[in-house]
Amino acid sequence: MNKIVVLIGAPGAGKGTQARLLEERKGIPQISTGDMFREMKTLDTPLAREVQEIMRSGKLVPDEVTYRMVKDRTSRDDCRGGYILDGYPRTAVQAEQLEGLATEQGFEILAIEVDVPREELMRRLTGRRSCPVCGEIYNIYSKPPKVEGRCDLHPEAELAHRADDNEESVGTRLATYDEQTKPLIDYYANSGRLSKVSGTGSLEDIYAELEKLVLRRIIN
């Protein structure tokens, strides 16, 4: 592939789901910062111990440390042909760090924004419910369970609603995302490397649009 695909999208946009589909169907590794941080909790390496200490202190992990995590993960054999970044970079500073890594690895960068209207993001996030047994995700507006408040696969389990999935908290998270990410979107737009796909519609329609874009840009 010889590409680093940077997926950009607000909380609830569904970029993680689409990244997983691209990995499953096209074999392009999905590199998620969330997965990397979870892995760091279980490893016993100098970098992992450094990250664990920072997290225990309650401090934010500095850009430089996050960059080293990304570099370490993407240096593995499965990323030799390219990969998808989900959750990184988040800022223009991190984007500049990624430029150096892309040059070092011999890759070009393609940034894709998964665009979803604000009111739809609010519905998705405030309407989320999850099964505490299997982790299945529902939405009271767009994907309700067969029995209200109960998991389809585990009817004995009452669906959980995250405390921060309320309008006030979600509004704050989206505002923070806008503030942090606008410079990142401008960064890629100004260099002619930003494309956009609609994040509304069916899962398969969104995937088809994203796949077409990724494959076309790879071929070109």
N, C-alpha and C. Protein backbone atom coordinates (compact mmCIF):
# COMPACT_ATOMS: atom_id res chain seq x y z
N MET A 1 0.82 -1.20 0.00
CA MET A 1 0.00 0.00 0.00
C MET A 1 0.86 1.26 0.00
N ASN A 2 1.92 1.25 0.80
CA ASN A 2 2.85 2.38 0.88
C ASN A 2 2.17 3.67 1.30
N LYS A 3 1.14 3.55 2.15
CA LYS A 3 0.40 4.72 2.62
C LYS A 3 0.19 4.62 4.13
N ILE A 4 0.16 5.80 4.75
CA ILE A 4 -0.37 5.92 6.10
C ILE A 4 -1.71 6.62 5.95
N VAL A 5 -2.78 5.93 6.27
CA VAL A 5 -4.12 6.51 6.21
C VAL A 5 -4.46 7.06 7.59
N VAL A 6 -4.63 8.37 7.68
CA VAL A 6 -4.99 9.01 8.94
C VAL A 6 -6.50 9.23 8.93
N LEU A 7 -7.22 8.52 9.79
CA LEU A 7 -8.67 8.70 9.89
C LEU A 7 -8.98 9.74 10.95
N ILE A 8 -9.74 10.76 10.57
CA ILE A 8 -10.09 11.84 11.48
C ILE A 8 -11.60 11.86 11.64
N GLY A 9 -12.06 11.94 12.87
CA GLY A 9 -13.50 12.00 13.09
C GLY A 9 -13.82 12.25 14.55
N ALA A 10 -14.90 12.95 14.79
CA ALA A 10 -15.32 13.28 16.15
C ALA A 10 -15.75 12.02 16.90
N PRO A 11 -15.81 12.08 18.23
CA PRO A 11 -16.39 10.97 18.99
C PRO A 11 -17.77 10.64 18.45
N GLY A 12 -18.01 9.37 18.15
CA GLY A 12 -19.31 8.95 17.63
C GLY A 12 -19.39 8.94 16.12
N ALA A 13 -18.31 9.36 15.43
CA ALA A 13 -18.34 9.41 13.97
C ALA A 13 -18.25 8.03 13.34
N GLY A 14 -17.73 7.06 14.10
CA GLY A 14 -17.64 5.69 13.60
C GLY A 14 -16.35 5.36 12.89
N LYS A 15 -15.32 6.18 13.07
CA LYS A 15 -14.06 5.93 12.36
C LYS A 15 -13.39 4.65 12.82
N GLY A 16 -13.53 4.32 14.12
CA GLY A 16 -12.94 3.08 14.62
C GLY A 16 -13.56 1.86 13.99
N THR A 17 -14.88 1.89 13.83
CA THR A 17 -15.58 0.78 13.18
C THR A 17 -15.12 0.62 11.74
N GLN A 18 -15.02 1.74 11.02
CA GLN A 18 -14.59 1.67 9.62
C GLN A 18 -13.14 1.22 9.50
N ALA A 19 -12.29 1.64 10.43
CA ALA A 19 -10.89 1.20 10.41
C ALA A 19 -10.80 -0.31 10.60
N ARG A 20 -11.63 -0.84 11.50
CA ARG A 20 -11.63 -2.30 11.72
C ARG A 20 -12.11 -3.05 10.48
N LEU A 21 -13.10 -2.49 9.79
CA LEU A 21 -13.59 -3.13 8.57
C LEU A 21 -12.51 -3.15 7.48
N LEU A 22 -11.78 -2.05 7.35
CA LEU A 22 -10.69 -2.01 6.37
C LEU A 22 -9.61 -3.03 6.72
N GLU A 23 -9.36 -3.21 8.00
CA GLU A 23 -8.37 -4.19 8.43
C GLU A 23 -8.86 -5.60 8.10
N GLU A 24 -10.12 -5.89 8.43
CA GLU A 24 -10.67 -7.23 8.22
C GLU A 24 -10.78 -7.58 6.74
N ARG A 25 -11.22 -6.62 5.94
CA ARG A 25 -11.53 -6.91 4.54
C ARG A 25 -10.37 -6.66 3.58
N LYS A 26 -9.48 -5.72 3.93
CA LYS A 26 -8.39 -5.38 3.02
C LYS A 26 -7.01 -5.66 3.62
N GLY A 27 -6.99 -6.10 4.86
CA GLY A 27 -5.71 -6.46 5.47
C GLY A 27 -4.82 -5.29 5.81
N ILE A 28 -5.40 -4.09 5.91
CA ILE A 28 -4.61 -2.91 6.28
C ILE A 28 -4.64 -2.78 7.80
N PRO A 29 -3.52 -2.88 8.48
CA PRO A 29 -3.53 -2.87 9.94
C PRO A 29 -4.12 -1.57 10.51
N GLN A 30 -5.00 -1.72 11.49
CA GLN A 30 -5.54 -0.57 12.21
C GLN A 30 -4.69 -0.32 13.44
N ILE A 31 -4.09 0.84 13.52
CA ILE A 31 -3.25 1.20 14.65
C ILE A 31 -4.01 2.23 15.50
N SER A 32 -4.53 1.78 16.62
CA SER A 32 -5.35 2.62 17.49
C SER A 32 -4.56 3.04 18.72
N THR A 33 -4.61 4.33 19.04
CA THR A 33 -3.91 4.79 20.24
C THR A 33 -4.51 4.16 21.49
N GLY A 34 -5.82 3.94 21.48
CA GLY A 34 -6.46 3.28 22.63
C GLY A 34 -5.90 1.89 22.85
N ASP A 35 -5.75 1.14 21.76
CA ASP A 35 -5.18 -0.21 21.85
C ASP A 35 -3.74 -0.16 22.34
N MET A 36 -2.99 0.84 21.85
CA MET A 36 -1.58 0.94 22.26
C MET A 36 -1.45 1.24 23.75
N PHE A 37 -2.28 2.13 24.27
CA PHE A 37 -2.21 2.44 25.69
C PHE A 37 -2.60 1.23 26.54
N ARG A 38 -3.60 0.49 26.08
CA ARG A 38 -3.98 -0.73 26.81
C ARG A 38 -2.85 -1.75 26.79
N GLU A 39 -2.17 -1.87 25.66
CA GLU A 39 -1.06 -2.81 25.56
C GLU A 39 0.09 -2.40 26.48
N MET A 40 0.33 -1.09 26.57
CA MET A 40 1.42 -0.59 27.40
C MET A 40 1.24 -0.98 28.87
N LYS A 41 0.00 -1.13 29.29
CA LYS A 41 -0.26 -1.51 30.68
C LYS A 41 0.20 -2.93 30.99
N THR A 42 0.35 -3.75 29.95
CA THR A 42 0.69 -5.17 30.15
C THR A 42 2.13 -5.50 29.81
N LEU A 43 2.86 -4.58 29.17
CA LEU A 43 4.22 -4.86 28.75
C LEU A 43 5.24 -4.48 29.82
N ASP A 44 6.42 -5.08 29.71
CA ASP A 44 7.51 -4.75 30.63
C ASP A 44 8.72 -4.34 29.80
N THR A 45 8.63 -3.16 29.20
CA THR A 45 9.72 -2.59 28.41
C THR A 45 10.02 -1.20 28.98
N PRO A 46 11.18 -0.64 28.65
CA PRO A 46 11.46 0.71 29.16
C PRO A 46 10.38 1.72 28.79
N LEU A 47 9.91 1.67 27.54
CA LEU A 47 8.87 2.61 27.10
C LEU A 47 7.56 2.35 27.85
N ALA A 48 7.20 1.07 27.99
CA ALA A 48 5.96 0.73 28.69
C ALA A 48 6.01 1.18 30.14
N ARG A 49 7.14 0.98 30.79
CA ARG A 49 7.26 1.41 32.20
C ARG A 49 7.17 2.93 32.31
N GLU A 50 7.73 3.63 31.34
CA GLU A 50 7.65 5.09 31.34
C GLU A 50 6.19 5.55 31.20
N VAL A 51 5.47 4.91 30.28
CA VAL A 51 4.06 5.26 30.07
C VAL A 51 3.23 4.92 31.31
N GLN A 52 3.50 3.76 31.90
CA GLN A 52 2.76 3.36 33.10
C GLN A 52 2.96 4.35 34.23
N GLU A 53 4.17 4.84 34.39
CA GLU A 53 4.46 5.81 35.46
C GLU A 53 3.72 7.12 35.21
N ILE A 54 3.70 7.56 33.97
CA ILE A 54 2.98 8.79 33.64
C ILE A 54 1.49 8.64 33.92
N MET A 55 0.94 7.51 33.54
CA MET A 55 -0.49 7.27 33.74
C MET A 55 -0.83 7.16 35.22
N ARG A 56 0.04 6.54 35.98
CA ARG A 56 -0.19 6.43 37.43
C ARG A 56 -0.19 7.80 38.09
N SER A 57 0.61 8.71 37.56
CA SER A 57 0.71 10.05 38.15
C SER A 57 -0.50 10.92 37.82
N GLY A 58 -1.31 10.45 36.86
CA GLY A 58 -2.48 11.21 36.46
C GLY A 58 -2.20 12.30 35.45
N LYS A 59 -0.96 12.36 34.97
CA LYS A 59 -0.60 13.38 33.99
C LYS A 59 -0.95 12.92 32.58
N LEU A 60 -1.05 13.89 31.67
CA LEU A 60 -1.25 13.56 30.27
C LEU A 60 0.05 13.04 29.68
N VAL A 61 -0.07 12.05 28.80
CA VAL A 61 1.12 11.51 28.15
C VAL A 61 1.60 12.54 27.13
N PRO A 62 2.85 13.01 27.24
CA PRO A 62 3.37 14.04 26.32
C PRO A 62 3.38 13.57 24.87
N ASP A 63 3.31 14.53 23.95
CA ASP A 63 3.33 14.21 22.51
C ASP A 63 4.54 13.35 22.14
N GLU A 64 5.69 13.67 22.71
CA GLU A 64 6.90 12.94 22.35
C GLU A 64 6.81 11.47 22.73
N VAL A 65 6.21 11.18 23.89
CA VAL A 65 6.07 9.79 24.34
C VAL A 65 5.05 9.06 23.46
N THR A 66 3.94 9.73 23.14
CA THR A 66 2.94 9.12 22.27
C THR A 66 3.55 8.82 20.90
N TYR A 67 4.35 9.74 20.40
CA TYR A 67 5.03 9.53 19.12
C TYR A 67 5.92 8.29 19.17
N ARG A 68 6.66 8.13 20.26
CA ARG A 68 7.53 6.96 20.39
C ARG A 68 6.72 5.67 20.42
N MET A 69 5.53 5.73 21.04
CA MET A 69 4.65 4.56 21.04
C MET A 69 4.20 4.21 19.63
N VAL A 70 3.81 5.24 18.88
CA VAL A 70 3.37 5.02 17.50
C VAL A 70 4.52 4.47 16.65
N LYS A 71 5.69 5.05 16.81
CA LYS A 71 6.85 4.59 16.04
C LYS A 71 7.18 3.15 16.39
N ASP A 72 7.13 2.81 17.67
CA ASP A 72 7.43 1.45 18.10
C ASP A 72 6.42 0.46 17.51
N ARG A 73 5.12 0.81 17.57
CA ARG A 73 4.09 -0.10 17.08
C ARG A 73 4.15 -0.26 15.57
N THR A 74 4.39 0.84 14.85
CA THR A 74 4.37 0.77 13.38
C THR A 74 5.67 0.25 12.79
N SER A 75 6.64 -0.04 13.64
CA SER A 75 7.88 -0.63 13.15
C SER A 75 7.78 -2.16 13.05
N ARG A 76 6.64 -2.72 13.48
CA ARG A 76 6.47 -4.17 13.42
C ARG A 76 6.19 -4.61 11.99
N ASP A 77 6.39 -5.90 11.75
CA ASP A 77 6.31 -6.44 10.39
C ASP A 77 4.95 -6.22 9.73
N ASP A 78 3.86 -6.24 10.51
CA ASP A 78 2.54 -6.14 9.89
C ASP A 78 2.29 -4.77 9.26
N CYS A 79 3.11 -3.79 9.60
CA CYS A 79 2.92 -2.43 9.08
C CYS A 79 3.85 -2.09 7.92
N ARG A 80 4.60 -3.06 7.46
CA ARG A 80 5.59 -2.78 6.40
C ARG A 80 4.96 -2.26 5.12
N GLY A 81 3.71 -2.66 4.85
CA GLY A 81 3.05 -2.23 3.63
C GLY A 81 2.16 -1.02 3.80
N GLY A 82 2.13 -0.44 5.00
CA GLY A 82 1.25 0.68 5.28
C GLY A 82 0.26 0.35 6.39
N TYR A 83 -0.45 1.35 6.86
CA TYR A 83 -1.37 1.12 7.98
C TYR A 83 -2.34 2.27 8.12
N ILE A 84 -3.36 2.06 8.95
CA ILE A 84 -4.37 3.07 9.25
C ILE A 84 -4.15 3.55 10.67
N LEU A 85 -4.10 4.86 10.85
CA LEU A 85 -3.99 5.44 12.19
C LEU A 85 -5.37 5.89 12.66
N ASP A 86 -5.79 5.37 13.80
CA ASP A 86 -7.08 5.70 14.40
C ASP A 86 -6.83 6.36 15.75
N GLY A 87 -7.02 7.69 15.81
CA GLY A 87 -6.80 8.40 17.06
C GLY A 87 -5.47 9.12 17.14
N TYR A 88 -4.71 9.08 16.07
CA TYR A 88 -3.41 9.76 16.00
C TYR A 88 -3.14 10.14 14.55
N PRO A 89 -2.65 11.35 14.30
CA PRO A 89 -2.39 12.42 15.27
C PRO A 89 -3.68 13.13 15.68
N ARG A 90 -3.63 13.81 16.83
CA ARG A 90 -4.78 14.57 17.31
C ARG A 90 -4.55 16.07 17.19
N THR A 91 -3.32 16.48 17.03
CA THR A 91 -2.98 17.90 16.97
C THR A 91 -2.01 18.15 15.82
N ALA A 92 -1.85 19.44 15.47
CA ALA A 92 -0.91 19.78 14.40
C ALA A 92 0.52 19.42 14.79
N VAL A 93 0.85 19.53 16.08
CA VAL A 93 2.19 19.16 16.55
C VAL A 93 2.45 17.68 16.28
N GLN A 94 1.47 16.84 16.63
CA GLN A 94 1.62 15.41 16.37
C GLN A 94 1.68 15.12 14.88
N ALA A 95 0.95 15.89 14.08
CA ALA A 95 0.97 15.70 12.63
C ALA A 95 2.36 15.97 12.08
N GLU A 96 3.01 16.99 12.60
CA GLU A 96 4.37 17.30 12.16
C GLU A 96 5.34 16.18 12.54
N GLN A 97 5.14 15.59 13.73
CA GLN A 97 5.97 14.47 14.14
C GLN A 97 5.75 13.27 13.22
N LEU A 98 4.50 13.08 12.81
CA LEU A 98 4.18 11.97 11.91
C LEU A 98 4.84 12.15 10.55
N GLU A 99 5.00 13.38 10.11
CA GLU A 99 5.66 13.63 8.83
C GLU A 99 7.06 13.01 8.82
N GLY A 100 7.79 13.24 9.93
CA GLY A 100 9.13 12.68 10.02
C GLY A 100 9.13 11.17 10.00
N LEU A 101 8.15 10.57 10.69
CA LEU A 101 8.06 9.11 10.72
C LEU A 101 7.71 8.56 9.34
N ALA A 102 6.80 9.24 8.64
CA ALA A 102 6.41 8.79 7.29
C ALA A 102 7.61 8.82 6.35
N THR A 103 8.40 9.88 6.44
CA THR A 103 9.60 9.98 5.60
C THR A 103 10.58 8.85 5.92
N GLU A 104 10.75 8.60 7.22
CA GLU A 104 11.67 7.54 7.66
C GLU A 104 11.21 6.18 7.18
N GLN A 105 9.88 5.95 7.18
CA GLN A 105 9.34 4.65 6.78
C GLN A 105 9.10 4.54 5.28
N GLY A 106 9.24 5.67 4.57
CA GLY A 106 9.04 5.64 3.12
C GLY A 106 7.59 5.63 2.70
N PHE A 107 6.70 6.21 3.51
CA PHE A 107 5.27 6.23 3.22
C PHE A 107 4.78 7.64 2.89
N GLU A 108 3.67 7.69 2.14
CA GLU A 108 2.93 8.92 1.93
C GLU A 108 1.74 8.93 2.88
N ILE A 109 1.26 10.13 3.21
CA ILE A 109 0.14 10.26 4.15
C ILE A 109 -1.12 10.67 3.41
N LEU A 110 -2.21 9.96 3.68
CA LEU A 110 -3.54 10.30 3.18
C LEU A 110 -4.44 10.51 4.40
N ALA A 111 -5.00 11.71 4.55
CA ALA A 111 -5.90 12.01 5.67
C ALA A 111 -7.33 12.00 5.18
N ILE A 112 -8.20 11.32 5.93
CA ILE A 112 -9.62 11.23 5.57
C ILE A 112 -10.46 11.62 6.78
N GLU A 113 -11.31 12.62 6.59
CA GLU A 113 -12.22 13.03 7.67
C GLU A 113 -13.57 12.33 7.49
N VAL A 114 -14.03 11.63 8.53
CA VAL A 114 -15.36 11.04 8.54
C VAL A 114 -16.29 12.10 9.13
N ASP A 115 -17.11 12.70 8.27
CA ASP A 115 -17.89 13.88 8.64
C ASP A 115 -19.32 13.50 9.04
N VAL A 116 -19.71 13.90 10.24
CA VAL A 116 -21.06 13.64 10.75
C VAL A 116 -21.59 14.93 11.36
N PRO A 117 -22.82 15.35 11.02
CA PRO A 117 -23.40 16.57 11.60
C PRO A 117 -23.45 16.50 13.12
N ARG A 118 -23.33 17.66 13.75
CA ARG A 118 -23.29 17.74 15.22
C ARG A 118 -24.53 17.10 15.88
N GLU A 119 -25.71 17.38 15.34
CA GLU A 119 -26.93 16.83 15.97
C GLU A 119 -26.96 15.31 15.92
N GLU A 120 -26.39 14.73 14.84
CA GLU A 120 -26.33 13.28 14.73
C GLU A 120 -25.33 12.70 15.72
N LEU A 121 -24.20 13.37 15.90
CA LEU A 121 -23.22 12.92 16.90
C LEU A 121 -23.83 12.93 18.29
N MET A 122 -24.62 13.95 18.59
CA MET A 122 -25.26 14.04 19.89
C MET A 122 -26.22 12.88 20.10
N ARG A 123 -27.00 12.55 19.08
CA ARG A 123 -27.93 11.41 19.18
C ARG A 123 -27.18 10.10 19.39
N ARG A 124 -26.11 9.93 18.63
CA ARG A 124 -25.35 8.68 18.74
C ARG A 124 -24.74 8.51 20.13
N LEU A 125 -24.17 9.59 20.65
CA LEU A 125 -23.45 9.48 21.93
C LEU A 125 -24.38 9.43 23.13
N THR A 126 -25.42 10.25 23.12
CA THR A 126 -26.34 10.23 24.27
C THR A 126 -27.24 9.01 24.25
N GLY A 127 -27.40 8.42 23.06
CA GLY A 127 -28.28 7.25 22.95
C GLY A 127 -27.57 5.92 23.12
N ARG A 128 -26.26 5.95 23.36
CA ARG A 128 -25.51 4.69 23.46
C ARG A 128 -25.86 3.90 24.73
N ARG A 129 -25.97 2.61 24.55
CA ARG A 129 -26.13 1.69 25.66
C ARG A 129 -25.25 0.48 25.37
N SER A 130 -24.72 -0.16 26.40
CA SER A 130 -23.84 -1.32 26.16
C SER A 130 -24.16 -2.45 27.12
N CYS A 131 -23.88 -3.67 26.65
CA CYS A 131 -24.10 -4.85 27.47
C CYS A 131 -22.88 -5.07 28.37
N PRO A 132 -23.08 -5.18 29.67
CA PRO A 132 -21.94 -5.40 30.58
C PRO A 132 -21.34 -6.80 30.46
N VAL A 133 -22.04 -7.70 29.79
CA VAL A 133 -21.56 -9.08 29.66
C VAL A 133 -20.69 -9.24 28.41
N CYS A 134 -21.23 -8.85 27.25
CA CYS A 134 -20.52 -9.10 25.98
C CYS A 134 -19.98 -7.83 25.34
N GLY A 135 -20.40 -6.67 25.84
CA GLY A 135 -19.90 -5.42 25.29
C GLY A 135 -20.64 -4.95 24.05
N GLU A 136 -21.68 -5.65 23.63
CA GLU A 136 -22.46 -5.24 22.46
C GLU A 136 -23.00 -3.82 22.66
N ILE A 137 -22.89 -3.00 21.59
CA ILE A 137 -23.31 -1.61 21.67
C ILE A 137 -24.67 -1.43 20.99
N TYR A 138 -25.57 -0.73 21.66
CA TYR A 138 -26.88 -0.41 21.10
C TYR A 138 -27.05 1.11 21.11
N ASN A 139 -28.11 1.56 20.45
CA ASN A 139 -28.46 2.97 20.49
C ASN A 139 -29.98 3.07 20.52
N ILE A 140 -30.51 3.80 21.48
CA ILE A 140 -31.96 3.86 21.65
C ILE A 140 -32.65 4.55 20.48
N TYR A 141 -31.89 5.30 19.68
CA TYR A 141 -32.46 5.99 18.53
C TYR A 141 -32.31 5.21 17.23
N SER A 142 -31.13 4.65 17.01
CA SER A 142 -30.85 4.03 15.71
C SER A 142 -30.66 2.51 15.74
N LYS A 143 -30.35 1.96 16.89
CA LYS A 143 -30.14 0.51 17.00
C LYS A 143 -30.63 0.02 18.36
N PRO A 144 -31.95 0.11 18.58
CA PRO A 144 -32.48 -0.29 19.89
C PRO A 144 -32.47 -1.81 20.07
N PRO A 145 -32.37 -2.29 21.30
CA PRO A 145 -32.48 -3.74 21.55
C PRO A 145 -33.92 -4.20 21.33
N LYS A 146 -34.11 -5.49 21.18
CA LYS A 146 -35.47 -6.03 20.96
C LYS A 146 -36.36 -5.78 22.17
N VAL A 147 -35.76 -5.90 23.36
CA VAL A 147 -36.48 -5.62 24.60
C VAL A 147 -35.81 -4.41 25.24
N GLU A 148 -36.59 -3.39 25.52
CA GLU A 148 -36.03 -2.15 26.04
C GLU A 148 -35.16 -2.38 27.28
N GLY A 149 -33.92 -1.89 27.23
CA GLY A 149 -33.03 -1.96 28.38
C GLY A 149 -32.33 -3.29 28.58
N ARG A 150 -32.53 -4.25 27.62
CA ARG A 150 -31.93 -5.58 27.77
C ARG A 150 -31.15 -5.96 26.52
N CYS A 151 -30.05 -6.67 26.73
CA CYS A 151 -29.22 -7.12 25.62
C CYS A 151 -29.92 -8.24 24.86
N ASP A 152 -29.85 -8.20 23.53
CA ASP A 152 -30.46 -9.25 22.71
C ASP A 152 -29.79 -10.60 22.96
N LEU A 153 -28.49 -10.59 23.19
CA LEU A 153 -27.73 -11.83 23.36
C LEU A 153 -27.74 -12.31 24.81
N HIS A 154 -27.89 -11.38 25.74
CA HIS A 154 -27.92 -11.72 27.17
C HIS A 154 -29.10 -11.00 27.82
N PRO A 155 -30.30 -11.55 27.67
CA PRO A 155 -31.51 -10.88 28.16
C PRO A 155 -31.51 -10.62 29.66
N GLU A 156 -30.68 -11.37 30.37
CA GLU A 156 -30.61 -11.18 31.82
C GLU A 156 -29.81 -9.93 32.19
N ALA A 157 -29.08 -9.39 31.22
CA ALA A 157 -28.19 -8.25 31.49
C ALA A 157 -28.90 -6.93 31.19
N GLU A 158 -28.87 -6.03 32.15
CA GLU A 158 -29.43 -4.70 31.95
C GLU A 158 -28.39 -3.83 31.26
N LEU A 159 -28.78 -3.17 30.18
CA LEU A 159 -27.84 -2.35 29.42
C LEU A 159 -27.35 -1.17 30.24
N ALA A 160 -26.07 -0.86 30.09
CA ALA A 160 -25.45 0.22 30.86
C ALA A 160 -25.40 1.50 30.03
N HIS A 161 -25.52 2.62 30.73
CA HIS A 161 -25.44 3.93 30.10
C HIS A 161 -24.30 4.69 30.77
N ARG A 162 -23.27 5.03 30.00
CA ARG A 162 -22.12 5.73 30.57
C ARG A 162 -22.54 7.05 31.18
N ALA A 163 -21.97 7.34 32.34
CA ALA A 163 -22.35 8.56 33.06
C ALA A 163 -22.04 9.81 32.26
N ASP A 164 -21.00 9.77 31.43
CA ASP A 164 -20.64 10.96 30.67
C ASP A 164 -21.31 11.02 29.29
N ASP A 165 -22.24 10.09 29.01
CA ASP A 165 -22.99 10.14 27.76
C ASP A 165 -24.28 10.93 27.97
N ASN A 166 -24.14 12.14 28.48
CA ASN A 166 -25.27 13.05 28.62
C ASN A 166 -24.99 14.30 27.78
N GLU A 167 -26.01 15.10 27.53
CA GLU A 167 -25.86 16.22 26.59
C GLU A 167 -24.76 17.19 27.01
N GLU A 168 -24.67 17.50 28.29
CA GLU A 168 -23.67 18.47 28.74
C GLU A 168 -22.25 17.94 28.53
N SER A 169 -22.02 16.70 28.97
CA SER A 169 -20.69 16.11 28.84
C SER A 169 -20.32 15.89 27.37
N VAL A 170 -21.28 15.40 26.59
CA VAL A 170 -21.02 15.17 25.18
C VAL A 170 -20.73 16.49 24.47
N GLY A 171 -21.48 17.53 24.81
CA GLY A 171 -21.23 18.84 24.21
C GLY A 171 -19.83 19.33 24.50
N THR A 172 -19.37 19.10 25.73
CA THR A 172 -18.01 19.52 26.11
C THR A 172 -16.97 18.73 25.32
N ARG A 173 -17.18 17.41 25.20
CA ARG A 173 -16.24 16.57 24.46
C ARG A 173 -16.16 16.97 22.99
N LEU A 174 -17.31 17.30 22.39
CA LEU A 174 -17.31 17.69 20.99
C LEU A 174 -16.66 19.06 20.79
N ALA A 175 -16.88 19.96 21.75
CA ALA A 175 -16.25 21.28 21.66
C ALA A 175 -14.72 21.16 21.78
N THR A 176 -14.28 20.28 22.68
CA THR A 176 -12.84 20.04 22.83
C THR A 176 -12.25 19.44 21.56
N TYR A 177 -12.99 18.51 20.97
CA TYR A 177 -12.54 17.90 19.72
C TYR A 177 -12.39 18.96 18.64
N ASP A 178 -13.40 19.83 18.50
CA ASP A 178 -13.35 20.87 17.48
C ASP A 178 -12.12 21.77 17.68
N GLU A 179 -11.90 22.16 18.93
CA GLU A 179 -10.80 23.08 19.24
C GLU A 179 -9.44 22.45 18.92
N GLN A 180 -9.29 21.18 19.28
CA GLN A 180 -8.01 20.51 19.09
C GLN A 180 -7.78 20.08 17.64
N THR A 181 -8.87 19.73 16.95
CA THR A 181 -8.72 19.08 15.65
C THR A 181 -8.79 20.02 14.46
N LYS A 182 -9.41 21.18 14.61
CA LYS A 182 -9.48 22.12 13.47
C LYS A 182 -8.09 22.43 12.89
N PRO A 183 -7.09 22.72 13.73
CA PRO A 183 -5.76 22.95 13.17
C PRO A 183 -5.22 21.73 12.41
N LEU A 184 -5.58 20.52 12.87
CA LEU A 184 -5.14 19.29 12.20
C LEU A 184 -5.79 19.17 10.82
N ILE A 185 -7.09 19.45 10.76
CA ILE A 185 -7.80 19.40 9.48
C ILE A 185 -7.24 20.45 8.53
N ASP A 186 -7.00 21.65 9.05
CA ASP A 186 -6.41 22.70 8.21
C ASP A 186 -5.03 22.29 7.72
N TYR A 187 -4.28 21.64 8.58
CA TYR A 187 -2.91 21.21 8.24
C TYR A 187 -2.92 20.32 7.01
N TYR A 188 -3.81 19.31 7.00
CA TYR A 188 -3.85 18.38 5.87
C TYR A 188 -4.54 19.00 4.66
N ALA A 189 -5.55 19.85 4.90
CA ALA A 189 -6.24 20.50 3.79
C ALA A 189 -5.29 21.43 3.03
N ASN A 190 -4.47 22.16 3.76
CA ASN A 190 -3.55 23.10 3.13
C ASN A 190 -2.48 22.42 2.30
N SER A 191 -2.20 21.15 2.62
CA SER A 191 -1.19 20.42 1.85
C SER A 191 -1.82 19.54 0.77
N GLY A 192 -3.16 19.65 0.61
CA GLY A 192 -3.84 18.91 -0.44
C GLY A 192 -3.98 17.42 -0.18
N ARG A 193 -3.87 17.03 1.08
CA ARG A 193 -3.93 15.59 1.39
C ARG A 193 -5.16 15.21 2.20
N LEU A 194 -6.14 16.10 2.31
CA LEU A 194 -7.35 15.81 3.09
C LEU A 194 -8.50 15.49 2.16
N SER A 195 -9.14 14.34 2.41
CA SER A 195 -10.37 13.97 1.73
C SER A 195 -11.46 13.83 2.79
N LYS A 196 -12.70 13.77 2.34
CA LYS A 196 -13.80 13.70 3.29
C LYS A 196 -14.83 12.69 2.82
N VAL A 197 -15.34 11.89 3.76
CA VAL A 197 -16.44 10.98 3.46
C VAL A 197 -17.57 11.28 4.44
N SER A 198 -18.80 11.05 3.99
CA SER A 198 -19.94 11.24 4.86
C SER A 198 -20.04 10.08 5.84
N GLY A 199 -20.21 10.42 7.12
CA GLY A 199 -20.33 9.39 8.14
C GLY A 199 -21.76 9.05 8.48
N THR A 200 -22.73 9.52 7.65
CA THR A 200 -24.12 9.18 7.86
C THR A 200 -24.54 8.15 6.82
N GLY A 201 -25.64 7.48 7.05
CA GLY A 201 -26.08 6.41 6.17
C GLY A 201 -25.76 5.06 6.77
N SER A 202 -25.91 4.02 5.97
CA SER A 202 -25.68 2.67 6.49
C SER A 202 -24.19 2.41 6.64
N LEU A 203 -23.87 1.45 7.50
CA LEU A 203 -22.48 1.08 7.73
C LEU A 203 -21.80 0.68 6.43
N GLU A 204 -22.50 -0.09 5.59
CA GLU A 204 -21.91 -0.57 4.34
C GLU A 204 -21.75 0.55 3.32
N ASP A 205 -22.67 1.50 3.30
CA ASP A 205 -22.54 2.62 2.37
C ASP A 205 -21.33 3.47 2.72
N ILE A 206 -21.15 3.72 4.02
CA ILE A 206 -20.00 4.51 4.46
C ILE A 206 -18.71 3.78 4.13
N TYR A 207 -18.72 2.47 4.39
CA TYR A 207 -17.51 1.68 4.10
C TYR A 207 -17.18 1.70 2.62
N ALA A 208 -18.21 1.55 1.76
CA ALA A 208 -17.98 1.52 0.32
C ALA A 208 -17.35 2.83 -0.16
N GLU A 209 -17.82 3.95 0.37
CA GLU A 209 -17.26 5.25 -0.01
C GLU A 209 -15.81 5.37 0.46
N LEU A 210 -15.57 4.92 1.69
CA LEU A 210 -14.22 5.01 2.25
C LEU A 210 -13.26 4.08 1.51
N GLU A 211 -13.70 2.87 1.24
CA GLU A 211 -12.86 1.91 0.53
C GLU A 211 -12.49 2.41 -0.86
N LYS A 212 -13.47 2.95 -1.56
CA LYS A 212 -13.23 3.48 -2.91
C LYS A 212 -12.19 4.59 -2.87
N LEU A 213 -12.31 5.47 -1.90
CA LEU A 213 -11.36 6.57 -1.78
C LEU A 213 -9.96 6.07 -1.47
N VAL A 214 -9.86 5.16 -0.50
CA VAL A 214 -8.55 4.63 -0.12
C VAL A 214 -7.90 3.89 -1.27
N LEU A 215 -8.64 3.06 -1.95
CA LEU A 215 -8.07 2.28 -3.05
C LEU A 215 -7.70 3.18 -4.22
N ARG A 216 -8.52 4.18 -4.53
CA ARG A 216 -8.22 5.06 -5.64
C ARG A 216 -6.95 5.86 -5.37
N ARG A 217 -6.82 6.38 -4.16
CA ARG A 217 -5.64 7.17 -3.83
C ARG A 217 -4.39 6.30 -3.76
N ILE A 218 -4.59 5.02 -3.35
CA ILE A 218 -3.44 4.11 -3.32
C ILE A 218 -2.94 3.84 -4.74
N ILE A 219 -3.92 3.60 -5.67
CA ILE A 219 -3.53 3.30 -7.04
C ILE A 219 -2.89 4.51 -7.70
N ASN A 220 -3.46 5.71 -7.42
CA ASN A 220 -2.91 6.91 -8.01
C ASN A 220 -1.62 7.37 -7.35
